[in-house]
Amino acid sequence: MTLPPDALAERVYEVLTRMMRTLRSSREAGLSLERLHALRLIDTRGPLSVAELAQLEGVHASTMSRLTSSLAREGFVRRIPYQRDGRGVLLKLTPRGERAEAQALRRRLELMISGLSRRSTKDLATVERALHILEEAMLPESSGFDLPSEKQAVLKK
């Protein structure tokens, strides 16, 4: 029996909330999920301004400014001059930030791989299809984490 949209929405919400709690509990390399996500965006999208990063994350610029200031203080990102605007700066990962991002992401992916690897090929195809449907329904403009091939190689190490 198929659940009606309101009950299905509640079920999806419950499952996603539990999954996010599991991922948040893994603070590999001292990175919360929010900090890891910011590093991933900087890494996959290239150097970004605080305003661009805030827009991609859907948060206020002041919130992102505090987060990126702490990332800079801890040596995960560095500020580089924005060539189009002498006053502005862009955020770029440092080698420490690249290592921390790869380590934290690898650990979180291992958590998911552990659960998914016990599923059948048919189940995996169903999960993939469900993700596609959810993304189309809920994320009109995906934040796009298409990893470049060199980043995929880092995660396989």
N, C-alpha and C. Protein backbone atom coordinates (compact mmCIF):
# COMPACT_ATOMS: atom_id res chain seq x y z
N MET A 1 0.83 -1.18 0.00
CA MET A 1 0.00 0.00 0.00
C MET A 1 0.89 1.25 0.00
N THR A 2 0.53 2.19 -0.83
CA THR A 2 1.29 3.44 -0.93
C THR A 2 0.73 4.47 0.04
N LEU A 3 1.63 5.13 0.75
CA LEU A 3 1.22 6.17 1.69
C LEU A 3 0.76 7.41 0.93
N PRO A 4 -0.21 8.15 1.48
CA PRO A 4 -0.60 9.43 0.86
C PRO A 4 0.54 10.42 1.03
N PRO A 5 0.59 11.47 0.18
CA PRO A 5 1.71 12.41 0.22
C PRO A 5 2.02 12.99 1.60
N ASP A 6 1.01 13.32 2.41
CA ASP A 6 1.29 13.90 3.72
C ASP A 6 1.97 12.90 4.65
N ALA A 7 1.53 11.66 4.64
CA ALA A 7 2.15 10.63 5.48
C ALA A 7 3.54 10.28 4.96
N LEU A 8 3.69 10.24 3.65
CA LEU A 8 5.00 9.95 3.06
C LEU A 8 5.98 11.07 3.38
N ALA A 9 5.52 12.30 3.31
CA ALA A 9 6.37 13.45 3.64
C ALA A 9 6.87 13.35 5.08
N GLU A 10 5.96 12.98 5.97
CA GLU A 10 6.35 12.83 7.38
C GLU A 10 7.37 11.72 7.55
N ARG A 11 7.18 10.61 6.84
CA ARG A 11 8.13 9.48 6.92
C ARG A 11 9.49 9.88 6.36
N VAL A 12 9.51 10.56 5.22
CA VAL A 12 10.78 11.02 4.64
C VAL A 12 11.48 11.95 5.61
N TYR A 13 10.73 12.86 6.21
CA TYR A 13 11.29 13.79 7.18
C TYR A 13 11.93 13.05 8.36
N GLU A 14 11.23 12.06 8.88
CA GLU A 14 11.74 11.29 10.01
C GLU A 14 13.04 10.56 9.64
N VAL A 15 13.05 9.93 8.49
CA VAL A 15 14.24 9.17 8.06
C VAL A 15 15.41 10.12 7.82
N LEU A 16 15.16 11.22 7.12
CA LEU A 16 16.25 12.17 6.86
C LEU A 16 16.78 12.78 8.14
N THR A 17 15.90 13.07 9.08
CA THR A 17 16.34 13.62 10.37
C THR A 17 17.25 12.64 11.10
N ARG A 18 16.87 11.38 11.13
CA ARG A 18 17.72 10.37 11.79
C ARG A 18 19.04 10.21 11.06
N MET A 19 18.99 10.22 9.74
CA MET A 19 20.24 10.10 8.97
C MET A 19 21.16 11.29 9.24
N MET A 20 20.60 12.49 9.29
CA MET A 20 21.41 13.68 9.55
C MET A 20 22.01 13.63 10.96
N ARG A 21 21.26 13.14 11.92
CA ARG A 21 21.81 13.01 13.28
C ARG A 21 23.00 12.07 13.28
N THR A 22 22.87 10.96 12.55
CA THR A 22 23.98 10.00 12.47
C THR A 22 25.20 10.65 11.83
N LEU A 23 24.99 11.37 10.75
CA LEU A 23 26.11 12.03 10.07
C LEU A 23 26.70 13.15 10.93
N ARG A 24 25.85 13.88 11.63
CA ARG A 24 26.33 14.97 12.50
C ARG A 24 27.16 14.43 13.65
N SER A 25 26.84 13.24 14.12
CA SER A 25 27.55 12.69 15.28
C SER A 25 28.99 12.33 14.93
N SER A 26 29.29 12.20 13.66
CA SER A 26 30.66 11.91 13.23
C SER A 26 31.38 13.24 13.02
N ARG A 27 32.18 13.63 13.99
CA ARG A 27 32.91 14.91 13.89
C ARG A 27 34.37 14.64 13.52
N GLU A 28 34.53 13.92 12.45
CA GLU A 28 35.86 13.58 11.96
C GLU A 28 36.63 14.86 11.63
N ALA A 29 37.89 14.90 11.99
CA ALA A 29 38.78 16.03 11.71
C ALA A 29 38.27 17.33 12.34
N GLY A 30 37.43 17.22 13.37
CA GLY A 30 36.93 18.41 14.04
C GLY A 30 35.94 19.21 13.21
N LEU A 31 35.31 18.55 12.24
CA LEU A 31 34.40 19.26 11.35
C LEU A 31 32.95 18.85 11.59
N SER A 32 32.14 19.82 11.96
CA SER A 32 30.70 19.58 12.02
C SER A 32 30.21 19.40 10.59
N LEU A 33 29.00 18.92 10.45
CA LEU A 33 28.42 18.74 9.13
C LEU A 33 28.34 20.07 8.39
N GLU A 34 28.02 21.15 9.10
CA GLU A 34 27.91 22.47 8.48
C GLU A 34 29.27 22.95 7.96
N ARG A 35 30.30 22.73 8.77
CA ARG A 35 31.64 23.15 8.34
C ARG A 35 32.13 22.30 7.17
N LEU A 36 31.86 21.01 7.22
CA LEU A 36 32.24 20.13 6.12
C LEU A 36 31.53 20.55 4.84
N HIS A 37 30.26 20.86 4.94
CA HIS A 37 29.50 21.25 3.76
C HIS A 37 30.06 22.53 3.15
N ALA A 38 30.43 23.49 4.00
CA ALA A 38 31.04 24.73 3.50
C ALA A 38 32.37 24.43 2.78
N LEU A 39 33.20 23.58 3.39
CA LEU A 39 34.46 23.21 2.74
C LEU A 39 34.23 22.50 1.41
N ARG A 40 33.23 21.64 1.37
CA ARG A 40 32.92 20.92 0.12
C ARG A 40 32.51 21.89 -0.97
N LEU A 41 31.68 22.86 -0.62
CA LEU A 41 31.27 23.84 -1.64
C LEU A 41 32.45 24.64 -2.15
N ILE A 42 33.31 25.08 -1.24
CA ILE A 42 34.50 25.82 -1.66
C ILE A 42 35.37 24.95 -2.56
N ASP A 43 35.51 23.70 -2.18
CA ASP A 43 36.34 22.77 -2.95
C ASP A 43 35.75 22.47 -4.33
N THR A 44 34.46 22.17 -4.38
CA THR A 44 33.86 21.75 -5.65
C THR A 44 33.50 22.92 -6.56
N ARG A 45 33.25 24.09 -5.98
CA ARG A 45 32.86 25.25 -6.78
C ARG A 45 34.00 26.21 -7.04
N GLY A 46 35.16 25.95 -6.45
CA GLY A 46 36.27 26.87 -6.60
C GLY A 46 36.19 27.96 -5.54
N PRO A 47 37.15 28.87 -5.54
CA PRO A 47 37.10 29.94 -4.54
C PRO A 47 35.75 30.67 -4.59
N LEU A 48 35.20 30.93 -3.41
CA LEU A 48 33.90 31.59 -3.30
C LEU A 48 33.98 32.74 -2.31
N SER A 49 33.13 33.73 -2.50
CA SER A 49 33.00 34.79 -1.50
C SER A 49 32.09 34.28 -0.39
N VAL A 50 32.12 34.96 0.74
CA VAL A 50 31.24 34.60 1.85
C VAL A 50 29.79 34.72 1.41
N ALA A 51 29.48 35.77 0.65
CA ALA A 51 28.09 35.97 0.18
C ALA A 51 27.65 34.83 -0.73
N GLU A 52 28.53 34.40 -1.65
CA GLU A 52 28.18 33.29 -2.54
C GLU A 52 27.96 32.00 -1.75
N LEU A 53 28.83 31.77 -0.79
CA LEU A 53 28.73 30.57 0.03
C LEU A 53 27.43 30.60 0.86
N ALA A 54 27.11 31.75 1.42
CA ALA A 54 25.87 31.89 2.19
C ALA A 54 24.66 31.63 1.31
N GLN A 55 24.68 32.14 0.10
CA GLN A 55 23.56 31.93 -0.81
C GLN A 55 23.41 30.45 -1.15
N LEU A 56 24.52 29.78 -1.44
CA LEU A 56 24.47 28.35 -1.76
C LEU A 56 23.96 27.52 -0.58
N GLU A 57 24.30 27.94 0.63
CA GLU A 57 23.89 27.22 1.83
C GLU A 57 22.50 27.63 2.32
N GLY A 58 21.99 28.74 1.79
CA GLY A 58 20.68 29.21 2.21
C GLY A 58 20.68 29.78 3.62
N VAL A 59 21.78 30.43 3.99
CA VAL A 59 21.88 31.05 5.31
C VAL A 59 22.22 32.53 5.15
N HIS A 60 22.08 33.28 6.23
CA HIS A 60 22.40 34.69 6.23
C HIS A 60 23.91 34.87 6.12
N ALA A 61 24.33 35.93 5.44
CA ALA A 61 25.76 36.18 5.25
C ALA A 61 26.52 36.29 6.56
N SER A 62 25.89 36.87 7.60
CA SER A 62 26.59 37.00 8.89
C SER A 62 26.85 35.63 9.53
N THR A 63 25.92 34.71 9.33
CA THR A 63 26.11 33.34 9.84
C THR A 63 27.29 32.69 9.14
N MET A 64 27.34 32.83 7.82
CA MET A 64 28.43 32.24 7.05
C MET A 64 29.75 32.94 7.36
N SER A 65 29.70 34.23 7.62
CA SER A 65 30.92 34.96 7.96
C SER A 65 31.53 34.41 9.25
N ARG A 66 30.70 34.14 10.25
CA ARG A 66 31.21 33.57 11.51
C ARG A 66 31.82 32.19 11.27
N LEU A 67 31.11 31.37 10.50
CA LEU A 67 31.59 30.02 10.22
C LEU A 67 32.92 30.06 9.47
N THR A 68 33.01 30.88 8.44
CA THR A 68 34.24 30.92 7.63
C THR A 68 35.39 31.59 8.38
N SER A 69 35.07 32.52 9.28
CA SER A 69 36.13 33.12 10.10
C SER A 69 36.78 32.06 10.97
N SER A 70 35.97 31.18 11.55
CA SER A 70 36.55 30.12 12.37
C SER A 70 37.34 29.13 11.52
N LEU A 71 36.84 28.84 10.32
CA LEU A 71 37.60 27.96 9.42
C LEU A 71 38.95 28.58 9.05
N ALA A 72 38.96 29.89 8.85
CA ALA A 72 40.21 30.58 8.51
C ALA A 72 41.16 30.58 9.71
N ARG A 73 40.63 30.89 10.91
CA ARG A 73 41.47 30.89 12.13
C ARG A 73 42.12 29.54 12.36
N GLU A 74 41.39 28.46 12.03
CA GLU A 74 41.89 27.12 12.27
C GLU A 74 42.73 26.59 11.10
N GLY A 75 42.91 27.40 10.08
CA GLY A 75 43.78 27.02 8.97
C GLY A 75 43.16 26.12 7.92
N PHE A 76 41.83 26.03 7.87
CA PHE A 76 41.17 25.20 6.86
C PHE A 76 40.95 25.95 5.54
N VAL A 77 40.77 27.27 5.63
CA VAL A 77 40.61 28.10 4.43
C VAL A 77 41.51 29.31 4.56
N ARG A 78 41.80 29.92 3.42
CA ARG A 78 42.52 31.19 3.44
C ARG A 78 41.76 32.17 2.56
N ARG A 79 41.93 33.41 2.88
CA ARG A 79 41.29 34.47 2.11
C ARG A 79 42.26 34.95 1.03
N ILE A 80 41.75 35.05 -0.19
CA ILE A 80 42.56 35.54 -1.29
C ILE A 80 41.84 36.75 -1.89
N PRO A 81 42.60 37.70 -2.44
CA PRO A 81 41.96 38.90 -3.00
C PRO A 81 41.04 38.53 -4.17
N TYR A 82 39.92 39.22 -4.23
CA TYR A 82 38.97 39.04 -5.32
C TYR A 82 39.38 40.02 -6.41
N GLN A 83 39.83 39.51 -7.54
CA GLN A 83 40.42 40.35 -8.58
C GLN A 83 39.45 41.37 -9.17
N ARG A 84 38.16 41.06 -9.18
CA ARG A 84 37.18 41.99 -9.74
C ARG A 84 36.88 43.16 -8.81
N ASP A 85 37.12 42.95 -7.53
CA ASP A 85 36.80 43.96 -6.53
C ASP A 85 37.95 43.97 -5.52
N GLY A 86 38.74 45.02 -5.54
CA GLY A 86 39.91 45.09 -4.68
C GLY A 86 39.60 44.98 -3.20
N ARG A 87 38.36 45.26 -2.83
CA ARG A 87 37.99 45.21 -1.40
C ARG A 87 37.55 43.81 -0.99
N GLY A 88 37.06 43.03 -1.94
CA GLY A 88 36.50 41.72 -1.61
C GLY A 88 37.54 40.62 -1.51
N VAL A 89 37.14 39.54 -0.88
CA VAL A 89 38.01 38.37 -0.78
C VAL A 89 37.22 37.12 -1.15
N LEU A 90 37.96 36.13 -1.58
CA LEU A 90 37.40 34.81 -1.86
C LEU A 90 38.00 33.83 -0.86
N LEU A 91 37.29 32.76 -0.62
CA LEU A 91 37.77 31.72 0.28
C LEU A 91 38.27 30.54 -0.53
N LYS A 92 39.43 30.06 -0.17
CA LYS A 92 40.05 28.92 -0.85
C LYS A 92 40.54 27.94 0.21
N LEU A 93 40.42 26.65 -0.09
CA LEU A 93 40.91 25.66 0.87
C LEU A 93 42.42 25.69 0.96
N THR A 94 42.92 25.48 2.16
CA THR A 94 44.35 25.29 2.37
C THR A 94 44.62 23.79 2.24
N PRO A 95 45.88 23.39 2.14
CA PRO A 95 46.17 21.95 2.14
C PRO A 95 45.58 21.25 3.38
N ARG A 96 45.62 21.91 4.54
CA ARG A 96 45.02 21.33 5.74
C ARG A 96 43.51 21.17 5.54
N GLY A 97 42.86 22.15 4.96
CA GLY A 97 41.43 22.08 4.69
C GLY A 97 41.09 20.97 3.72
N GLU A 98 41.93 20.80 2.70
CA GLU A 98 41.70 19.72 1.72
C GLU A 98 41.79 18.35 2.39
N ARG A 99 42.80 18.18 3.24
CA ARG A 99 42.96 16.89 3.94
C ARG A 99 41.80 16.64 4.90
N ALA A 100 41.44 17.66 5.67
CA ALA A 100 40.35 17.51 6.64
C ALA A 100 39.03 17.22 5.94
N GLU A 101 38.77 17.92 4.85
CA GLU A 101 37.54 17.68 4.10
C GLU A 101 37.49 16.24 3.59
N ALA A 102 38.59 15.79 2.98
CA ALA A 102 38.64 14.43 2.44
C ALA A 102 38.46 13.40 3.55
N GLN A 103 39.13 13.60 4.68
CA GLN A 103 39.04 12.66 5.80
C GLN A 103 37.62 12.62 6.37
N ALA A 104 37.02 13.78 6.62
CA ALA A 104 35.67 13.84 7.20
C ALA A 104 34.64 13.28 6.24
N LEU A 105 34.78 13.63 4.97
CA LEU A 105 33.83 13.13 3.98
C LEU A 105 33.96 11.61 3.84
N ARG A 106 35.20 11.13 3.79
CA ARG A 106 35.42 9.68 3.66
C ARG A 106 34.77 8.93 4.82
N ARG A 107 34.92 9.45 6.05
CA ARG A 107 34.33 8.78 7.22
C ARG A 107 32.81 8.76 7.13
N ARG A 108 32.21 9.87 6.74
CA ARG A 108 30.75 9.92 6.65
C ARG A 108 30.26 9.02 5.52
N LEU A 109 30.99 8.98 4.42
CA LEU A 109 30.59 8.09 3.32
C LEU A 109 30.73 6.63 3.74
N GLU A 110 31.75 6.32 4.52
CA GLU A 110 31.92 4.95 5.01
C GLU A 110 30.72 4.51 5.84
N LEU A 111 30.17 5.43 6.62
CA LEU A 111 28.97 5.11 7.40
C LEU A 111 27.82 4.72 6.48
N MET A 112 27.66 5.46 5.40
CA MET A 112 26.57 5.17 4.46
C MET A 112 26.87 3.91 3.65
N ILE A 113 28.11 3.76 3.22
CA ILE A 113 28.49 2.58 2.43
C ILE A 113 28.26 1.32 3.24
N SER A 114 28.58 1.40 4.53
CA SER A 114 28.39 0.24 5.41
C SER A 114 26.95 -0.25 5.38
N GLY A 115 26.00 0.66 5.43
CA GLY A 115 24.60 0.28 5.39
C GLY A 115 24.14 -0.14 4.01
N LEU A 116 24.57 0.59 3.00
CA LEU A 116 24.12 0.30 1.63
C LEU A 116 24.72 -0.99 1.08
N SER A 117 25.92 -1.31 1.50
CA SER A 117 26.58 -2.50 0.94
C SER A 117 25.88 -3.80 1.31
N ARG A 118 25.03 -3.75 2.31
CA ARG A 118 24.28 -4.95 2.71
C ARG A 118 22.98 -5.11 1.93
N ARG A 119 22.70 -4.20 1.03
CA ARG A 119 21.45 -4.22 0.28
C ARG A 119 21.65 -4.89 -1.09
N SER A 120 20.57 -5.38 -1.65
CA SER A 120 20.62 -6.02 -2.97
C SER A 120 20.78 -4.97 -4.06
N THR A 121 21.16 -5.42 -5.23
CA THR A 121 21.28 -4.53 -6.39
C THR A 121 19.93 -3.87 -6.68
N LYS A 122 18.87 -4.63 -6.54
CA LYS A 122 17.53 -4.09 -6.77
C LYS A 122 17.22 -2.98 -5.75
N ASP A 123 17.55 -3.21 -4.48
CA ASP A 123 17.33 -2.19 -3.46
C ASP A 123 18.15 -0.92 -3.75
N LEU A 124 19.39 -1.11 -4.17
CA LEU A 124 20.25 0.04 -4.48
C LEU A 124 19.66 0.85 -5.63
N ALA A 125 19.13 0.17 -6.64
CA ALA A 125 18.50 0.86 -7.77
C ALA A 125 17.27 1.64 -7.29
N THR A 126 16.54 1.07 -6.35
CA THR A 126 15.36 1.74 -5.80
C THR A 126 15.77 2.99 -5.03
N VAL A 127 16.83 2.89 -4.24
CA VAL A 127 17.34 4.04 -3.49
C VAL A 127 17.76 5.14 -4.47
N GLU A 128 18.47 4.74 -5.51
CA GLU A 128 18.93 5.72 -6.50
C GLU A 128 17.75 6.43 -7.16
N ARG A 129 16.74 5.67 -7.52
CA ARG A 129 15.54 6.25 -8.15
C ARG A 129 14.82 7.17 -7.16
N ALA A 130 14.70 6.75 -5.91
CA ALA A 130 14.05 7.57 -4.90
C ALA A 130 14.79 8.89 -4.69
N LEU A 131 16.10 8.84 -4.67
CA LEU A 131 16.89 10.06 -4.51
C LEU A 131 16.63 11.01 -5.67
N HIS A 132 16.59 10.47 -6.86
CA HIS A 132 16.33 11.30 -8.05
C HIS A 132 14.95 11.97 -7.93
N ILE A 133 13.96 11.21 -7.54
CA ILE A 133 12.59 11.74 -7.39
C ILE A 133 12.55 12.82 -6.31
N LEU A 134 13.17 12.54 -5.16
CA LEU A 134 13.18 13.52 -4.07
C LEU A 134 13.91 14.79 -4.47
N GLU A 135 15.01 14.64 -5.15
CA GLU A 135 15.77 15.81 -5.59
C GLU A 135 14.95 16.67 -6.53
N GLU A 136 14.29 16.04 -7.50
CA GLU A 136 13.44 16.80 -8.44
C GLU A 136 12.28 17.48 -7.72
N ALA A 137 11.68 16.78 -6.76
CA ALA A 137 10.51 17.31 -6.07
C ALA A 137 10.85 18.40 -5.07
N MET A 138 11.98 18.24 -4.38
CA MET A 138 12.28 19.12 -3.25
C MET A 138 13.38 20.14 -3.49
N LEU A 139 14.24 19.89 -4.45
CA LEU A 139 15.39 20.77 -4.67
C LEU A 139 15.38 21.30 -6.10
N PRO A 140 14.59 22.34 -6.36
CA PRO A 140 14.49 22.83 -7.73
C PRO A 140 15.84 23.20 -8.33
N GLU A 141 16.74 23.74 -7.49
CA GLU A 141 18.10 24.02 -7.94
C GLU A 141 19.04 23.32 -6.99
N SER A 142 19.57 22.19 -7.43
CA SER A 142 20.47 21.42 -6.58
C SER A 142 21.74 22.21 -6.33
N SER A 143 22.32 22.04 -5.12
CA SER A 143 23.58 22.72 -4.82
C SER A 143 24.74 22.02 -5.53
N GLY A 144 24.47 20.91 -6.18
CA GLY A 144 25.40 20.29 -7.11
C GLY A 144 26.73 19.87 -6.55
N PHE A 145 26.82 18.68 -6.05
CA PHE A 145 28.10 18.17 -5.59
C PHE A 145 28.64 17.14 -6.57
N ASP A 146 28.72 17.52 -7.82
CA ASP A 146 29.34 16.65 -8.79
C ASP A 146 30.84 16.76 -8.58
N LEU A 147 31.41 15.71 -8.03
CA LEU A 147 32.83 15.76 -7.71
C LEU A 147 33.68 15.61 -8.96
N PRO A 148 34.68 16.49 -9.12
CA PRO A 148 35.62 16.29 -10.21
C PRO A 148 36.35 14.96 -10.02
N SER A 149 36.83 14.38 -11.10
CA SER A 149 37.45 13.05 -11.03
C SER A 149 38.63 13.00 -10.07
N GLU A 150 39.40 14.09 -9.96
CA GLU A 150 40.53 14.06 -9.04
C GLU A 150 40.08 14.00 -7.58
N LYS A 151 38.90 14.55 -7.27
CA LYS A 151 38.37 14.48 -5.91
C LYS A 151 37.83 13.08 -5.63
N GLN A 152 37.25 12.44 -6.63
CA GLN A 152 36.78 11.07 -6.45
C GLN A 152 37.95 10.16 -6.11
N ALA A 153 39.11 10.42 -6.73
CA ALA A 153 40.28 9.59 -6.46
C ALA A 153 40.73 9.76 -5.01
N VAL A 154 40.65 10.98 -4.46
CA VAL A 154 41.03 11.23 -3.07
C VAL A 154 40.15 10.41 -2.13
N LEU A 155 38.86 10.34 -2.43
CA LEU A 155 37.95 9.63 -1.56
C LEU A 155 38.17 8.12 -1.60
N LYS A 156 38.75 7.61 -2.67
CA LYS A 156 38.97 6.17 -2.79
C LYS A 156 40.19 5.70 -2.01
N LYS A 157 41.03 6.66 -1.56
CA LYS A 157 42.25 6.29 -0.83
C LYS A 157 41.91 5.70 0.52
